[in-house]
Amino acid sequence: MVGISTDVMIVNCGSIPRSEGKACRVFDLRNIVGA
């Protein structure tokens, strides 16, 4: 579930550059570290 949520967040971040964009960056780093 975590992996899927991260993917969705990354897609939303690229489509909607907003406050979520900052969170997306954090998720991206987490995804790299988790992988």
PDB file of N, CA and C in Angstrom:
ATOM      1  N   MET A   1       0.852  -1.207   0.000  1.00  0.00           N
ATOM      2  CA  MET A   1       0.000   0.000   0.000  1.00  0.00           C
ATOM      3  C   MET A   1       0.881   1.248   0.000  1.00  0.00           C
ATOM      4  N   VAL A   2       1.958   1.204   0.746  1.00  0.00           N
ATOM      5  CA  VAL A   2       2.833   2.386   0.815  1.00  0.00           C
ATOM      6  C   VAL A   2       3.403   2.692  -0.562  1.00  0.00           C
ATOM      7  N   GLY A   3       3.839   1.652  -1.263  1.00  0.00           N
ATOM      8  CA  GLY A   3       4.436   1.866  -2.595  1.00  0.00           C
ATOM      9  C   GLY A   3       3.417   2.491  -3.535  1.00  0.00           C
ATOM     10  N   ILE A   4       2.176   1.984  -3.498  1.00  0.00           N
ATOM     11  CA  ILE A   4       1.140   2.514  -4.400  1.00  0.00           C
ATOM     12  C   ILE A   4       0.871   3.976  -4.053  1.00  0.00           C
ATOM     13  N   SER A   5       0.740   4.275  -2.771  1.00  0.00           N
ATOM     14  CA  SER A   5       0.453   5.660  -2.357  1.00  0.00           C
ATOM     15  C   SER A   5       1.564   6.584  -2.841  1.00  0.00           C
ATOM     16  N   THR A   6       2.801   6.131  -2.734  1.00  0.00           N
ATOM     17  CA  THR A   6       3.924   6.968  -3.167  1.00  0.00           C
ATOM     18  C   THR A   6       3.813   7.254  -4.653  1.00  0.00           C
ATOM     19  N   ASP A   7       3.493   6.230  -5.437  1.00  0.00           N
ATOM     20  CA  ASP A   7       3.372   6.432  -6.889  1.00  0.00           C
ATOM     21  C   ASP A   7       2.289   7.458  -7.180  1.00  0.00           C
ATOM     22  N   VAL A   8       1.152   7.323  -6.533  1.00  0.00           N
ATOM     23  CA  VAL A   8       0.043   8.255  -6.771  1.00  0.00           C
ATOM     24  C   VAL A   8       0.471   9.668  -6.389  1.00  0.00           C
ATOM     25  N   MET A   9       1.163   9.791  -5.247  1.00  0.00           N
ATOM     26  CA  MET A   9       1.586  11.136  -4.809  1.00  0.00           C
ATOM     27  C   MET A   9       2.511  11.757  -5.849  1.00  0.00           C
ATOM     28  N   ILE A  10       3.444  10.988  -6.359  1.00  0.00           N
ATOM     29  CA  ILE A  10       4.402  11.525  -7.337  1.00  0.00           C
ATOM     30  C   ILE A  10       3.643  12.004  -8.574  1.00  0.00           C
ATOM     31  N   VAL A  11       2.688  11.217  -9.047  1.00  0.00           N
ATOM     32  CA  VAL A  11       1.922  11.601 -10.246  1.00  0.00           C
ATOM     33  C   VAL A  11       1.149  12.882  -9.959  1.00  0.00           C
ATOM     34  N   ASN A  12       0.468  12.932  -8.813  1.00  0.00           N
ATOM     35  CA  ASN A  12      -0.318  14.128  -8.484  1.00  0.00           C
ATOM     36  C   ASN A  12       0.595  15.342  -8.371  1.00  0.00           C
ATOM     37  N   CYS A  13       1.758  15.140  -7.778  1.00  0.00           N
ATOM     38  CA  CYS A  13       2.687  16.262  -7.599  1.00  0.00           C
ATOM     39  C   CYS A  13       3.071  16.843  -8.954  1.00  0.00           C
ATOM     40  N   GLY A  14       3.401  15.995  -9.914  1.00  0.00           N
ATOM     41  CA  GLY A  14       3.811  16.499 -11.229  1.00  0.00           C
ATOM     42  C   GLY A  14       2.645  17.182 -11.936  1.00  0.00           C
ATOM     43  N   SER A  15       1.432  16.697 -11.706  1.00  0.00           N
ATOM     44  CA  SER A  15       0.270  17.274 -12.394  1.00  0.00           C
ATOM     45  C   SER A  15      -0.185  18.550 -11.695  1.00  0.00           C
ATOM     46  N   ILE A  16      -0.051  18.600 -10.371  1.00  0.00           N
ATOM     47  CA  ILE A  16      -0.525  19.784  -9.639  1.00  0.00           C
ATOM     48  C   ILE A  16       0.633  20.378  -8.827  1.00  0.00           C
ATOM     49  N   PRO A  17       1.368  21.326  -9.393  1.00  0.00           N
ATOM     50  CA  PRO A  17       2.478  21.982  -8.667  1.00  0.00           C
ATOM     51  C   PRO A  17       1.949  22.900  -7.571  1.00  0.00           C
ATOM     52  N   ARG A  18       1.802  22.398  -6.371  1.00  0.00           N
ATOM     53  CA  ARG A  18       1.238  23.213  -5.274  1.00  0.00           C
ATOM     54  C   ARG A  18       1.906  22.825  -3.961  1.00  0.00           C
ATOM     55  N   SER A  19       1.258  23.151  -2.867  1.00  0.00           N
ATOM     56  CA  SER A  19       1.812  22.780  -1.555  1.00  0.00           C
ATOM     57  C   SER A  19       2.114  21.280  -1.552  1.00  0.00           C
ATOM     58  N   GLU A  20       1.289  20.501  -2.254  1.00  0.00           N
ATOM     59  CA  GLU A  20       1.529  19.050  -2.286  1.00  0.00           C
ATOM     60  C   GLU A  20       2.864  18.761  -2.963  1.00  0.00           C
ATOM     61  N   GLY A  21       3.294  19.668  -3.832  1.00  0.00           N
ATOM     62  CA  GLY A  21       4.572  19.453  -4.520  1.00  0.00           C
ATOM     63  C   GLY A  21       5.689  19.243  -3.512  1.00  0.00           C
ATOM     64  N   LYS A  22       5.674  20.034  -2.438  1.00  0.00           N
ATOM     65  CA  LYS A  22       6.718  19.884  -1.414  1.00  0.00           C
ATOM     66  C   LYS A  22       6.635  18.482  -0.808  1.00  0.00           C
ATOM     67  N   ALA A  23       5.434  18.059  -0.470  1.00  0.00           N
ATOM     68  CA  ALA A  23       5.260  16.722   0.118  1.00  0.00           C
ATOM     69  C   ALA A  23       5.721  15.671  -0.887  1.00  0.00           C
ATOM     70  N   CYS A  24       5.434  15.922  -2.163  1.00  0.00           N
ATOM     71  CA  CYS A  24       5.831  14.949  -3.201  1.00  0.00           C
ATOM     72  C   CYS A  24       7.338  14.760  -3.155  1.00  0.00           C
ATOM     73  N   ARG A  25       8.076  15.841  -2.986  1.00  0.00           N
ATOM     74  CA  ARG A  25       9.550  15.725  -2.949  1.00  0.00           C
ATOM     75  C   ARG A  25       9.946  14.820  -1.782  1.00  0.00           C
ATOM     76  N   VAL A  26       9.328  15.009  -0.650  1.00  0.00           N
ATOM     77  CA  VAL A  26       9.657  14.182   0.517  1.00  0.00           C
ATOM     78  C   VAL A  26       9.355  12.719   0.196  1.00  0.00           C
ATOM     79  N   PHE A  27       8.197  12.476  -0.429  1.00  0.00           N
ATOM     80  CA  PHE A  27       7.824  11.098  -0.765  1.00  0.00           C
ATOM     81  C   PHE A  27       8.833  10.523  -1.746  1.00  0.00           C
ATOM     82  N   ASP A  28       9.261  11.349  -2.711  1.00  0.00           N
ATOM     83  CA  ASP A  28      10.225  10.863  -3.708  1.00  0.00           C
ATOM     84  C   ASP A  28      11.492  10.384  -2.994  1.00  0.00           C
ATOM     85  N   LEU A  29      12.015  11.190  -2.079  1.00  0.00           N
ATOM     86  CA  LEU A  29      13.240  10.807  -1.362  1.00  0.00           C
ATOM     87  C   LEU A  29      12.977   9.527  -0.576  1.00  0.00           C
ATOM     88  N   ARG A  30      11.813   9.444   0.029  1.00  0.00           N
ATOM     89  CA  ARG A  30      11.499   8.259   0.840  1.00  0.00           C
ATOM     90  C   ARG A  30      11.467   7.034  -0.068  1.00  0.00           C
ATOM     91  N   ASN A  31      10.895   7.206  -1.252  1.00  0.00           N
ATOM     92  CA  ASN A  31      10.793   6.069  -2.178  1.00  0.00           C
ATOM     93  C   ASN A  31      12.192   5.583  -2.544  1.00  0.00           C
ATOM     94  N   ILE A  32      13.093   6.501  -2.834  1.00  0.00           N
ATOM     95  CA  ILE A  32      14.468   6.120  -3.206  1.00  0.00           C
ATOM     96  C   ILE A  32      15.132   5.401  -2.021  1.00  0.00           C
ATOM     97  N   VAL A  33      14.967   5.951  -0.830  1.00  0.00           N
ATOM     98  CA  VAL A  33      15.600   5.348   0.349  1.00  0.00           C
ATOM     99  C   VAL A  33      14.995   3.961   0.597  1.00  0.00           C
ATOM    100  N   GLY A  34      13.653   3.868   0.473  1.00  0.00           N
ATOM    101  CA  GLY A  34      12.990   2.581   0.707  1.00  0.00           C
ATOM    102  C   GLY A  34      13.443   1.544  -0.318  1.00  0.00           C
ATOM    103  N   ALA A  35      13.580   1.995  -1.571  1.00  0.00           N
ATOM    104  CA  ALA A  35      13.973   1.043  -2.620  1.00  0.00           C
ATOM    105  C   ALA A  35      15.389   0.575  -2.352  1.00  0.00           C
TER     106      ALA A  35
END
